[in-house]
Amino acid sequence: MTSLRKILAALVVAGSTIAALPAMSGCYASGSAYVVEDVPPAPREEIVVSRPGFVWIHGHWTRPGSRWEWRGGYYERERPDQVYVEGRWERRGRGHVWIDGGWRARAGVSVR
């Protein structure tokens, strides 16, 4: 019985430590969302050179731990009949949520 109590006590301590981590780091994951309590820094200016057949995906700030890190932009090949929608930070409640960008069907009329 004593070993069972020790195991339960260890689980309680481990659980409380894990529960305290989001409060210490200032960010946490919620389902597929990335939530940060701090306001993200302003985006960095990136110099983009036009490359026919490619789309520039702008960089953005991430917060994998207790500090903000810049993830630089990159080129991705264009996709026919699709447009790239940039990712963005949205304010929700007391925090900010990162919404991933991605390819979407191009809206409009198709003429044949």
PDB file of N, CA and C in Angstrom:
ATOM      1  N   MET A   1       0.817  -1.199   0.000  1.00  0.00           N
ATOM      2  CA  MET A   1       0.000   0.000   0.000  1.00  0.00           C
ATOM      3  C   MET A   1       0.859   1.261   0.000  1.00  0.00           C
ATOM      4  N   THR A   2       2.014   1.197   0.677  1.00  0.00           N
ATOM      5  CA  THR A   2       2.899   2.358   0.735  1.00  0.00           C
ATOM      6  C   THR A   2       3.441   2.698  -0.645  1.00  0.00           C
ATOM      7  N   SER A   3       3.798   1.692  -1.431  1.00  0.00           N
ATOM      8  CA  SER A   3       4.322   1.967  -2.773  1.00  0.00           C
ATOM      9  C   SER A   3       3.254   2.591  -3.661  1.00  0.00           C
ATOM     10  N   LEU A   4       1.997   2.199  -3.480  1.00  0.00           N
ATOM     11  CA  LEU A   4       0.903   2.798  -4.251  1.00  0.00           C
ATOM     12  C   LEU A   4       0.764   4.276  -3.908  1.00  0.00           C
ATOM     13  N   ARG A   5       0.897   4.603  -2.617  1.00  0.00           N
ATOM     14  CA  ARG A   5       0.820   6.019  -2.205  1.00  0.00           C
ATOM     15  C   ARG A   5       1.974   6.817  -2.791  1.00  0.00           C
ATOM     16  N   LYS A   6       3.163   6.240  -2.837  1.00  0.00           N
ATOM     17  CA  LYS A   6       4.321   6.936  -3.405  1.00  0.00           C
ATOM     18  C   LYS A   6       4.110   7.190  -4.897  1.00  0.00           C
ATOM     19  N   ILE A   7       3.575   6.203  -5.586  1.00  0.00           N
ATOM     20  CA  ILE A   7       3.319   6.351  -7.024  1.00  0.00           C
ATOM     21  C   ILE A   7       2.273   7.438  -7.261  1.00  0.00           C
ATOM     22  N   LEU A   8       1.185   7.422  -6.468  1.00  0.00           N
ATOM     23  CA  LEU A   8       0.147   8.448  -6.615  1.00  0.00           C
ATOM     24  C   LEU A   8       0.689   9.836  -6.300  1.00  0.00           C
ATOM     25  N   ALA A   9       1.516   9.937  -5.268  1.00  0.00           N
ATOM     26  CA  ALA A   9       2.108  11.228  -4.906  1.00  0.00           C
ATOM     27  C   ALA A   9       2.998  11.731  -6.038  1.00  0.00           C
ATOM     28  N   ALA A  10       3.780  10.832  -6.636  1.00  0.00           N
ATOM     29  CA  ALA A  10       4.642  11.232  -7.754  1.00  0.00           C
ATOM     30  C   ALA A  10       3.811  11.700  -8.943  1.00  0.00           C
ATOM     31  N   LEU A  11       2.698  11.023  -9.218  1.00  0.00           N
ATOM     32  CA  LEU A  11       1.826  11.429 -10.319  1.00  0.00           C
ATOM     33  C   LEU A  11       1.201  12.801 -10.070  1.00  0.00           C
ATOM     34  N   VAL A  12       0.809  13.061  -8.840  1.00  0.00           N
ATOM     35  CA  VAL A  12       0.221  14.364  -8.496  1.00  0.00           C
ATOM     36  C   VAL A  12       1.249  15.471  -8.683  1.00  0.00           C
ATOM     37  N   VAL A  13       2.485  15.248  -8.225  1.00  0.00           N
ATOM     38  CA  VAL A  13       3.541  16.245  -8.387  1.00  0.00           C
ATOM     39  C   VAL A  13       3.842  16.467  -9.860  1.00  0.00           C
ATOM     40  N   ALA A  14       3.948  15.399 -10.635  1.00  0.00           N
ATOM     41  CA  ALA A  14       4.224  15.521 -12.072  1.00  0.00           C
ATOM     42  C   ALA A  14       3.089  16.254 -12.773  1.00  0.00           C
ATOM     43  N   GLY A  15       1.856  15.934 -12.431  1.00  0.00           N
ATOM     44  CA  GLY A  15       0.708  16.597 -13.056  1.00  0.00           C
ATOM     45  C   GLY A  15       0.654  18.075 -12.745  1.00  0.00           C
ATOM     46  N   SER A  16       0.954  18.444 -11.504  1.00  0.00           N
ATOM     47  CA  SER A  16       0.923  19.862 -11.151  1.00  0.00           C
ATOM     48  C   SER A  16       2.063  20.616 -11.813  1.00  0.00           C
ATOM     49  N   THR A  17       3.204  19.960 -12.004  1.00  0.00           N
ATOM     50  CA  THR A  17       4.319  20.598 -12.702  1.00  0.00           C
ATOM     51  C   THR A  17       3.966  20.849 -14.153  1.00  0.00           C
ATOM     52  N   ILE A  18       3.380  19.867 -14.805  1.00  0.00           N
ATOM     53  CA  ILE A  18       2.988  20.025 -16.209  1.00  0.00           C
ATOM     54  C   ILE A  18       1.910  21.092 -16.349  1.00  0.00           C
ATOM     55  N   ALA A  19       0.979  21.154 -15.421  1.00  0.00           N
ATOM     56  CA  ALA A  19      -0.086  22.163 -15.490  1.00  0.00           C
ATOM     57  C   ALA A  19       0.466  23.568 -15.311  1.00  0.00           C
ATOM     58  N   ALA A  20       1.573  23.717 -14.584  1.00  0.00           N
ATOM     59  CA  ALA A  20       2.144  25.041 -14.342  1.00  0.00           C
ATOM     60  C   ALA A  20       2.990  25.530 -15.511  1.00  0.00           C
ATOM     61  N   LEU A  21       3.419  24.656 -16.410  1.00  0.00           N
ATOM     62  CA  LEU A  21       4.290  25.049 -17.509  1.00  0.00           C
ATOM     63  C   LEU A  21       3.711  26.138 -18.402  1.00  0.00           C
ATOM     64  N   PRO A  22       2.435  26.076 -18.842  1.00  0.00           N
ATOM     65  CA  PRO A  22       1.924  27.152 -19.690  1.00  0.00           C
ATOM     66  C   PRO A  22       1.991  28.514 -19.013  1.00  0.00           C
ATOM     67  N   ALA A  23       1.736  28.570 -17.725  1.00  0.00           N
ATOM     68  CA  ALA A  23       1.775  29.851 -17.027  1.00  0.00           C
ATOM     69  C   ALA A  23       3.196  30.392 -16.985  1.00  0.00           C
ATOM     70  N   MET A  24       4.175  29.505 -16.912  1.00  0.00           N
ATOM     71  CA  MET A  24       5.559  29.951 -16.841  1.00  0.00           C
ATOM     72  C   MET A  24       6.079  30.379 -18.200  1.00  0.00           C
ATOM     73  N   SER A  25       5.672  29.708 -19.263  1.00  0.00           N
ATOM     74  CA  SER A  25       6.221  30.011 -20.582  1.00  0.00           C
ATOM     75  C   SER A  25       5.450  31.113 -21.295  1.00  0.00           C
ATOM     76  N   GLY A  26       4.195  31.342 -20.958  1.00  0.00           N
ATOM     77  CA  GLY A  26       3.408  32.379 -21.604  1.00  0.00           C
ATOM     78  C   GLY A  26       2.731  31.930 -22.881  1.00  0.00           C
ATOM     79  N   CYS A  27       2.818  30.640 -23.207  1.00  0.00           N
ATOM     80  CA  CYS A  27       2.133  30.139 -24.384  1.00  0.00           C
ATOM     81  C   CYS A  27       1.750  28.681 -24.171  1.00  0.00           C
ATOM     82  N   TYR A  28       0.773  28.245 -24.933  1.00  0.00           N
ATOM     83  CA  TYR A  28       0.336  26.859 -24.831  1.00  0.00           C
ATOM     84  C   TYR A  28      -0.400  26.473 -26.095  1.00  0.00           C
ATOM     85  N   ALA A  29      -0.537  25.189 -26.298  1.00  0.00           N
ATOM     86  CA  ALA A  29      -1.272  24.682 -27.455  1.00  0.00           C
ATOM     87  C   ALA A  29      -2.662  24.295 -27.011  1.00  0.00           C
ATOM     88  N   SER A  30      -3.636  24.593 -27.829  1.00  0.00           N
ATOM     89  CA  SER A  30      -5.021  24.247 -27.538  1.00  0.00           C
ATOM     90  C   SER A  30      -5.600  23.607 -28.784  1.00  0.00           C
ATOM     91  N   GLY A  31      -5.667  22.278 -28.799  1.00  0.00           N
ATOM     92  CA  GLY A  31      -6.116  21.582 -30.010  1.00  0.00           C
ATOM     93  C   GLY A  31      -5.107  21.817 -31.106  1.00  0.00           C
ATOM     94  N   SER A  32      -5.525  22.434 -32.213  1.00  0.00           N
ATOM     95  CA  SER A  32      -4.598  22.730 -33.303  1.00  0.00           C
ATOM     96  C   SER A  32      -4.153  24.190 -33.264  1.00  0.00           C
ATOM     97  N   ALA A  33      -4.573  24.945 -32.252  1.00  0.00           N
ATOM     98  CA  ALA A  33      -4.232  26.362 -32.168  1.00  0.00           C
ATOM     99  C   ALA A  33      -2.997  26.568 -31.310  1.00  0.00           C
ATOM    100  N   TYR A  34      -2.265  27.615 -31.606  1.00  0.00           N
ATOM    101  CA  TYR A  34      -1.068  28.017 -30.878  1.00  0.00           C
ATOM    102  C   TYR A  34      -1.420  29.322 -30.185  1.00  0.00           C
ATOM    103  N   VAL A  35      -1.595  29.311 -28.865  1.00  0.00           N
ATOM    104  CA  VAL A  35      -2.082  30.466 -28.119  1.00  0.00           C
ATOM    105  C   VAL A  35      -0.936  31.092 -27.329  1.00  0.00           C
ATOM    106  N   VAL A  36      -0.828  32.417 -27.398  1.00  0.00           N
ATOM    107  CA  VAL A  36       0.202  33.158 -26.678  1.00  0.00           C
ATOM    108  C   VAL A  36      -0.477  34.270 -25.906  1.00  0.00           C
ATOM    109  N   GLU A  37      -0.073  34.454 -24.658  1.00  0.00           N
ATOM    110  CA  GLU A  37      -0.687  35.501 -23.847  1.00  0.00           C
ATOM    111  C   GLU A  37      -0.118  36.880 -24.162  1.00  0.00           C
ATOM    112  N   ASP A  38       1.156  36.958 -24.601  1.00  0.00           N
ATOM    113  CA  ASP A  38       1.782  38.243 -24.931  1.00  0.00           C
ATOM    114  C   ASP A  38       1.373  38.694 -26.328  1.00  0.00           C
ATOM    115  N   VAL A  39       1.507  40.000 -26.569  1.00  0.00           N
ATOM    116  CA  VAL A  39       1.269  40.541 -27.907  1.00  0.00           C
ATOM    117  C   VAL A  39       2.492  40.205 -28.766  1.00  0.00           C
ATOM    118  N   PRO A  40       2.295  39.614 -29.948  1.00  0.00           N
ATOM    119  CA  PRO A  40       3.446  39.303 -30.805  1.00  0.00           C
ATOM    120  C   PRO A  40       4.141  40.586 -31.265  1.00  0.00           C
ATOM    121  N   PRO A  41       5.471  40.545 -31.449  1.00  0.00           N
ATOM    122  CA  PRO A  41       6.176  41.729 -31.967  1.00  0.00           C
ATOM    123  C   PRO A  41       5.695  42.062 -33.376  1.00  0.00           C
ATOM    124  N   ALA A  42       5.990  43.273 -33.803  1.00  0.00           N
ATOM    125  CA  ALA A  42       5.644  43.683 -35.172  1.00  0.00           C
ATOM    126  C   ALA A  42       6.420  42.814 -36.163  1.00  0.00           C
ATOM    127  N   PRO A  43       5.820  42.480 -37.310  1.00  0.00           N
ATOM    128  CA  PRO A  43       6.530  41.653 -38.299  1.00  0.00           C
ATOM    129  C   PRO A  43       7.800  42.355 -38.777  1.00  0.00           C
ATOM    130  N   ARG A  44       8.812  41.575 -39.081  1.00  0.00           N
ATOM    131  CA  ARG A  44      10.055  42.124 -39.628  1.00  0.00           C
ATOM    132  C   ARG A  44       9.854  42.434 -41.104  1.00  0.00           C
ATOM    133  N   GLU A  45      10.594  43.424 -41.571  1.00  0.00           N
ATOM    134  CA  GLU A  45      10.544  43.763 -42.992  1.00  0.00           C
ATOM    135  C   GLU A  45      11.412  42.761 -43.746  1.00  0.00           C
ATOM    136  N   GLU A  46      10.878  42.219 -44.817  1.00  0.00           N
ATOM    137  CA  GLU A  46      11.615  41.267 -45.644  1.00  0.00           C
ATOM    138  C   GLU A  46      11.685  41.799 -47.066  1.00  0.00           C
ATOM    139  N   ILE A  47      12.850  41.721 -47.663  1.00  0.00           N
ATOM    140  CA  ILE A  47      13.021  42.154 -49.047  1.00  0.00           C
ATOM    141  C   ILE A  47      12.739  40.954 -49.934  1.00  0.00           C
ATOM    142  N   VAL A  48      11.773  41.128 -50.827  1.00  0.00           N
ATOM    143  CA  VAL A  48      11.326  40.036 -51.683  1.00  0.00           C
ATOM    144  C   VAL A  48      11.642  40.370 -53.137  1.00  0.00           C
ATOM    145  N   VAL A  49      12.282  39.438 -53.814  1.00  0.00           N
ATOM    146  CA  VAL A  49      12.579  39.581 -55.239  1.00  0.00           C
ATOM    147  C   VAL A  49      11.579  38.726 -56.001  1.00  0.00           C
ATOM    148  N   SER A  50      10.946  39.327 -57.001  1.00  0.00           N
ATOM    149  CA  SER A  50       9.950  38.598 -57.786  1.00  0.00           C
ATOM    150  C   SER A  50      10.584  37.401 -58.486  1.00  0.00           C
ATOM    151  N   ARG A  51       9.933  36.249 -58.355  1.00  0.00           N
ATOM    152  CA  ARG A  51      10.374  35.019 -59.038  1.00  0.00           C
ATOM    153  C   ARG A  51       9.175  34.439 -59.755  1.00  0.00           C
ATOM    154  N   PRO A  52       9.136  34.540 -61.092  1.00  0.00           N
ATOM    155  CA  PRO A  52       8.004  34.001 -61.846  1.00  0.00           C
ATOM    156  C   PRO A  52       7.785  32.518 -61.521  1.00  0.00           C
ATOM    157  N   GLY A  53       6.511  32.171 -61.296  1.00  0.00           N
ATOM    158  CA  GLY A  53       6.170  30.789 -60.984  1.00  0.00           C
ATOM    159  C   GLY A  53       6.221  30.465 -59.500  1.00  0.00           C
ATOM    160  N   PHE A  54       6.570  31.457 -58.665  1.00  0.00           N
ATOM    161  CA  PHE A  54       6.667  31.236 -57.218  1.00  0.00           C
ATOM    162  C   PHE A  54       5.872  32.298 -56.460  1.00  0.00           C
ATOM    163  N   VAL A  55       5.484  31.947 -55.234  1.00  0.00           N
ATOM    164  CA  VAL A  55       4.787  32.855 -54.324  1.00  0.00           C
ATOM    165  C   VAL A  55       5.662  33.007 -53.091  1.00  0.00           C
ATOM    166  N   TRP A  56       5.784  34.229 -52.579  1.00  0.00           N
ATOM    167  CA  TRP A  56       6.548  34.476 -51.349  1.00  0.00           C
ATOM    168  C   TRP A  56       5.633  34.270 -50.143  1.00  0.00           C
ATOM    169  N   ILE A  57       6.028  33.391 -49.241  1.00  0.00           N
ATOM    170  CA  ILE A  57       5.305  33.161 -47.988  1.00  0.00           C
ATOM    171  C   ILE A  57       6.030  33.969 -46.923  1.00  0.00           C
ATOM    172  N   HIS A  58       5.381  35.012 -46.414  1.00  0.00           N
ATOM    173  CA  HIS A  58       6.025  35.915 -45.461  1.00  0.00           C
ATOM    174  C   HIS A  58       6.385  35.208 -44.161  1.00  0.00           C
ATOM    175  N   GLY A  59       7.456  35.686 -43.547  1.00  0.00           N
ATOM    176  CA  GLY A  59       7.878  35.160 -42.257  1.00  0.00           C
ATOM    177  C   GLY A  59       6.932  35.606 -41.154  1.00  0.00           C
ATOM    178  N   HIS A  60       7.077  34.996 -39.980  1.00  0.00           N
ATOM    179  CA  HIS A  60       6.237  35.383 -38.842  1.00  0.00           C
ATOM    180  C   HIS A  60       6.935  35.015 -37.533  1.00  0.00           C
ATOM    181  N   TRP A  61       6.450  35.605 -36.466  1.00  0.00           N
ATOM    182  CA  TRP A  61       6.988  35.333 -35.140  1.00  0.00           C
ATOM    183  C   TRP A  61       6.367  34.055 -34.581  1.00  0.00           C
ATOM    184  N   THR A  62       7.198  33.261 -33.894  1.00  0.00           N
ATOM    185  CA  THR A  62       6.725  32.078 -33.179  1.00  0.00           C
ATOM    186  C   THR A  62       7.193  32.196 -31.739  1.00  0.00           C
ATOM    187  N   ARG A  63       6.591  31.421 -30.885  1.00  0.00           N
ATOM    188  CA  ARG A  63       6.971  31.443 -29.466  1.00  0.00           C
ATOM    189  C   ARG A  63       7.048  30.002 -28.969  1.00  0.00           C
ATOM    190  N   PRO A  64       8.113  29.270 -29.350  1.00  0.00           N
ATOM    191  CA  PRO A  64       8.213  27.867 -28.949  1.00  0.00           C
ATOM    192  C   PRO A  64       8.496  27.678 -27.464  1.00  0.00           C
ATOM    193  N   GLY A  65       8.929  28.695 -26.777  1.00  0.00           N
ATOM    194  CA  GLY A  65       9.246  28.603 -25.347  1.00  0.00           C
ATOM    195  C   GLY A  65       8.926  29.911 -24.671  1.00  0.00           C
ATOM    196  N   SER A  66       9.915  30.491 -24.018  1.00  0.00           N
ATOM    197  CA  SER A  66       9.679  31.742 -23.298  1.00  0.00           C
ATOM    198  C   SER A  66      10.113  32.964 -24.099  1.00  0.00           C
ATOM    199  N   ARG A  67      10.687  32.766 -25.291  1.00  0.00           N
ATOM    200  CA  ARG A  67      11.159  33.894 -26.105  1.00  0.00           C
ATOM    201  C   ARG A  67      10.551  33.844 -27.496  1.00  0.00           C
ATOM    202  N   TRP A  68      10.368  35.036 -28.088  1.00  0.00           N
ATOM    203  CA  TRP A  68       9.889  35.124 -29.464  1.00  0.00           C
ATOM    204  C   TRP A  68      11.028  34.789 -30.414  1.00  0.00           C
ATOM    205  N   GLU A  69      10.719  34.052 -31.480  1.00  0.00           N
ATOM    206  CA  GLU A  69      11.692  33.722 -32.515  1.00  0.00           C
ATOM    207  C   GLU A  69      11.086  34.028 -33.880  1.00  0.00           C
ATOM    208  N   TRP A  70      11.911  34.605 -34.767  1.00  0.00           N
ATOM    209  CA  TRP A  70      11.453  34.930 -36.107  1.00  0.00           C
ATOM    210  C   TRP A  70      11.672  33.739 -37.025  1.00  0.00           C
ATOM    211  N   ARG A  71      10.635  33.337 -37.736  1.00  0.00           N
ATOM    212  CA  ARG A  71      10.732  32.290 -38.752  1.00  0.00           C
ATOM    213  C   ARG A  71      10.667  33.008 -40.092  1.00  0.00           C
ATOM    214  N   GLY A  72      11.780  33.024 -40.817  1.00  0.00           N
ATOM    215  CA  GLY A  72      11.896  33.769 -42.067  1.00  0.00           C
ATOM    216  C   GLY A  72      10.982  33.255 -43.169  1.00  0.00           C
ATOM    217  N   GLY A  73      10.685  34.143 -44.106  1.00  0.00           N
ATOM    218  CA  GLY A  73       9.834  33.792 -45.230  1.00  0.00           C
ATOM    219  C   GLY A  73      10.553  32.900 -46.229  1.00  0.00           C
ATOM    220  N   TYR A  74       9.809  32.393 -47.188  1.00  0.00           N
ATOM    221  CA  TYR A  74      10.372  31.486 -48.185  1.00  0.00           C
ATOM    222  C   TYR A  74       9.486  31.486 -49.431  1.00  0.00           C
ATOM    223  N   TYR A  75      10.054  30.999 -50.530  1.00  0.00           N
ATOM    224  CA  TYR A  75       9.308  30.878 -51.778  1.00  0.00           C
ATOM    225  C   TYR A  75       8.665  29.500 -51.859  1.00  0.00           C
ATOM    226  N   GLU A  76       7.488  29.471 -52.454  1.00  0.00           N
ATOM    227  CA  GLU A  76       6.821  28.201 -52.720  1.00  0.00           C
ATOM    228  C   GLU A  76       6.251  28.279 -54.132  1.00  0.00           C
ATOM    229  N   ARG A  77       6.290  27.164 -54.834  1.00  0.00           N
ATOM    230  CA  ARG A  77       5.781  27.125 -56.207  1.00  0.00           C
ATOM    231  C   ARG A  77       4.297  27.478 -56.256  1.00  0.00           C
ATOM    232  N   GLU A  78       3.925  28.277 -57.281  1.00  0.00           N
ATOM    233  CA  GLU A  78       2.511  28.604 -57.482  1.00  0.00           C
ATOM    234  C   GLU A  78       1.722  27.333 -57.746  1.00  0.00           C
ATOM    235  N   ARG A  79       0.445  27.384 -57.429  1.00  0.00           N
ATOM    236  CA  ARG A  79      -0.451  26.255 -57.700  1.00  0.00           C
ATOM    237  C   ARG A  79      -1.588  26.753 -58.587  1.00  0.00           C
ATOM    238  N   PRO A  80      -1.879  26.013 -59.651  1.00  0.00           N
ATOM    239  CA  PRO A  80      -2.928  26.474 -60.558  1.00  0.00           C
ATOM    240  C   PRO A  80      -4.283  26.563 -59.859  1.00  0.00           C
ATOM    241  N   ASP A  81      -5.015  27.617 -60.154  1.00  0.00           N
ATOM    242  CA  ASP A  81      -6.365  27.838 -59.623  1.00  0.00           C
ATOM    243  C   ASP A  81      -6.403  27.942 -58.104  1.00  0.00           C
ATOM    244  N   GLN A  82      -5.270  28.302 -57.474  1.00  0.00           N
ATOM    245  CA  GLN A  82      -5.250  28.495 -56.026  1.00  0.00           C
ATOM    246  C   GLN A  82      -4.512  29.781 -55.690  1.00  0.00           C
ATOM    247  N   VAL A  83      -4.825  30.307 -54.537  1.00  0.00           N
ATOM    248  CA  VAL A  83      -4.167  31.503 -54.026  1.00  0.00           C
ATOM    249  C   VAL A  83      -3.706  31.197 -52.603  1.00  0.00           C
ATOM    250  N   TYR A  84      -2.546  31.757 -52.214  1.00  0.00           N
ATOM    251  CA  TYR A  84      -2.045  31.521 -50.865  1.00  0.00           C
ATOM    252  C   TYR A  84      -2.579  32.602 -49.934  1.00  0.00           C
ATOM    253  N   VAL A  85      -3.199  32.192 -48.834  1.00  0.00           N
ATOM    254  CA  VAL A  85      -3.690  33.110 -47.810  1.00  0.00           C
ATOM    255  C   VAL A  85      -2.668  33.101 -46.679  1.00  0.00           C
ATOM    256  N   GLU A  86      -2.101  34.274 -46.359  1.00  0.00           N
ATOM    257  CA  GLU A  86      -1.056  34.373 -45.340  1.00  0.00           C
ATOM    258  C   GLU A  86      -1.569  33.978 -43.953  1.00  0.00           C
ATOM    259  N   GLY A  87      -0.679  33.419 -43.141  1.00  0.00           N
ATOM    260  CA  GLY A  87      -0.988  33.153 -41.742  1.00  0.00           C
ATOM    261  C   GLY A  87      -1.056  34.471 -40.978  1.00  0.00           C
ATOM    262  N   ARG A  88      -1.656  34.449 -39.792  1.00  0.00           N
ATOM    263  CA  ARG A  88      -1.807  35.702 -39.039  1.00  0.00           C
ATOM    264  C   ARG A  88      -2.020  35.406 -37.561  1.00  0.00           C
ATOM    265  N   TRP A  89      -1.712  36.385 -36.743  1.00  0.00           N
ATOM    266  CA  TRP A  89      -2.031  36.341 -35.315  1.00  0.00           C
ATOM    267  C   TRP A  89      -3.375  37.018 -35.117  1.00  0.00           C
ATOM    268  N   GLU A  90      -4.285  36.384 -34.375  1.00  0.00           N
ATOM    269  CA  GLU A  90      -5.589  36.976 -34.054  1.00  0.00           C
ATOM    270  C   GLU A  90      -5.728  37.073 -32.547  1.00  0.00           C
ATOM    271  N   ARG A  91      -6.313  38.183 -32.113  1.00  0.00           N
ATOM    272  CA  ARG A  91      -6.580  38.343 -30.683  1.00  0.00           C
ATOM    273  C   ARG A  91      -7.856  37.584 -30.350  1.00  0.00           C
ATOM    274  N   ARG A  92      -7.772  36.708 -29.351  1.00  0.00           N
ATOM    275  CA  ARG A  92      -8.929  35.946 -28.883  1.00  0.00           C
ATOM    276  C   ARG A  92      -8.880  35.874 -27.375  1.00  0.00           C
ATOM    277  N   GLY A  93      -9.879  36.465 -26.750  1.00  0.00           N
ATOM    278  CA  GLY A  93      -9.907  36.472 -25.288  1.00  0.00           C
ATOM    279  C   GLY A  93      -8.718  37.235 -24.731  1.00  0.00           C
ATOM    280  N   ARG A  94      -8.002  36.608 -23.801  1.00  0.00           N
ATOM    281  CA  ARG A  94      -6.841  37.251 -23.185  1.00  0.00           C
ATOM    282  C   ARG A  94      -5.561  37.012 -23.959  1.00  0.00           C
ATOM    283  N   GLY A  95      -5.603  36.193 -25.008  1.00  0.00           N
ATOM    284  CA  GLY A  95      -4.378  35.843 -25.716  1.00  0.00           C
ATOM    285  C   GLY A  95      -4.453  36.109 -27.199  1.00  0.00           C
ATOM    286  N   HIS A  96      -3.415  35.670 -27.887  1.00  0.00           N
ATOM    287  CA  HIS A  96      -3.318  35.763 -29.334  1.00  0.00           C
ATOM    288  C   HIS A  96      -3.144  34.352 -29.875  1.00  0.00           C
ATOM    289  N   VAL A  97      -3.821  34.059 -30.990  1.00  0.00           N
ATOM    290  CA  VAL A  97      -3.803  32.725 -31.580  1.00  0.00           C
ATOM    291  C   VAL A  97      -3.178  32.819 -32.970  1.00  0.00           C
ATOM    292  N   TRP A  98      -2.244  31.904 -33.278  1.00  0.00           N
ATOM    293  CA  TRP A  98      -1.661  31.853 -34.612  1.00  0.00           C
ATOM    294  C   TRP A  98      -2.576  31.031 -35.510  1.00  0.00           C
ATOM    295  N   ILE A  99      -2.999  31.624 -36.624  1.00  0.00           N
ATOM    296  CA  ILE A  99      -3.818  30.955 -37.624  1.00  0.00           C
ATOM    297  C   ILE A  99      -2.902  30.658 -38.812  1.00  0.00           C
ATOM    298  N   ASP A 100      -2.693  29.385 -39.099  1.00  0.00           N
ATOM    299  CA  ASP A 100      -1.813  29.001 -40.207  1.00  0.00           C
ATOM    300  C   ASP A 100      -2.353  29.499 -41.535  1.00  0.00           C
ATOM    301  N   GLY A 101      -1.447  29.882 -42.411  1.00  0.00           N
ATOM    302  CA  GLY A 101      -1.816  30.220 -43.779  1.00  0.00           C
ATOM    303  C   GLY A 101      -1.932  28.947 -44.593  1.00  0.00           C
ATOM    304  N   GLY A 102      -2.382  29.089 -45.814  1.00  0.00           N
ATOM    305  CA  GLY A 102      -2.481  27.910 -46.666  1.00  0.00           C
ATOM    306  C   GLY A 102      -3.076  28.233 -48.017  1.00  0.00           C
ATOM    307  N   TRP A 103      -3.091  27.249 -48.857  1.00  0.00           N
ATOM    308  CA  TRP A 103      -3.631  27.391 -50.204  1.00  0.00           C
ATOM    309  C   TRP A 103      -5.144  27.236 -50.185  1.00  0.00           C
ATOM    310  N   ARG A 104      -5.826  28.122 -50.924  1.00  0.00           N
ATOM    311  CA  ARG A 104      -7.284  28.093 -51.031  1.00  0.00           C
ATOM    312  C   ARG A 104      -7.660  28.153 -52.505  1.00  0.00           C
ATOM    313  N   ALA A 105      -8.831  27.636 -52.827  1.00  0.00           N
ATOM    314  CA  ALA A 105      -9.304  27.709 -54.197  1.00  0.00           C
ATOM    315  C   ALA A 105      -9.492  29.183 -54.588  1.00  0.00           C
ATOM    316  N   ARG A 106      -9.074  29.522 -55.777  1.00  0.00           N
ATOM    317  CA  ARG A 106      -9.220  30.901 -56.263  1.00  0.00           C
ATOM    318  C   ARG A 106     -10.688  31.167 -56.525  1.00  0.00           C
ATOM    319  N   ALA A 107     -11.225  32.208 -55.920  1.00  0.00           N
ATOM    320  CA  ALA A 107     -12.627  32.564 -56.121  1.00  0.00           C
ATOM    321  C   ALA A 107     -12.750  33.325 -57.440  1.00  0.00           C
ATOM    322  N   GLY A 108     -13.879  33.191 -58.056  1.00  0.00           N
ATOM    323  CA  GLY A 108     -14.093  33.923 -59.285  1.00  0.00           C
ATOM    324  C   GLY A 108     -14.774  33.073 -60.334  1.00  0.00           C
ATOM    325  N   VAL A 109     -14.941  33.674 -61.483  1.00  0.00           N
ATOM    326  CA  VAL A 109     -15.621  33.011 -62.583  1.00  0.00           C
ATOM    327  C   VAL A 109     -14.589  32.405 -63.513  1.00  0.00           C
ATOM    328  N   SER A 110     -14.832  31.206 -63.903  1.00  0.00           N
ATOM    329  CA  SER A 110     -13.938  30.535 -64.824  1.00  0.00           C
ATOM    330  C   SER A 110     -14.578  30.562 -66.208  1.00  0.00           C
ATOM    331  N   VAL A 111     -13.856  31.100 -67.191  1.00  0.00           N
ATOM    332  CA  VAL A 111     -14.369  31.222 -68.548  1.00  0.00           C
ATOM    333  C   VAL A 111     -13.725  30.138 -69.398  1.00  0.00           C
ATOM    334  N   ARG A 112     -14.540  29.405 -70.155  1.00  0.00           N
ATOM    335  CA  ARG A 112     -14.020  28.321 -71.004  1.00  0.00           C
ATOM    336  C   ARG A 112     -14.197  28.652 -72.460  1.00  0.00           C
TER     337      ARG A 112
END
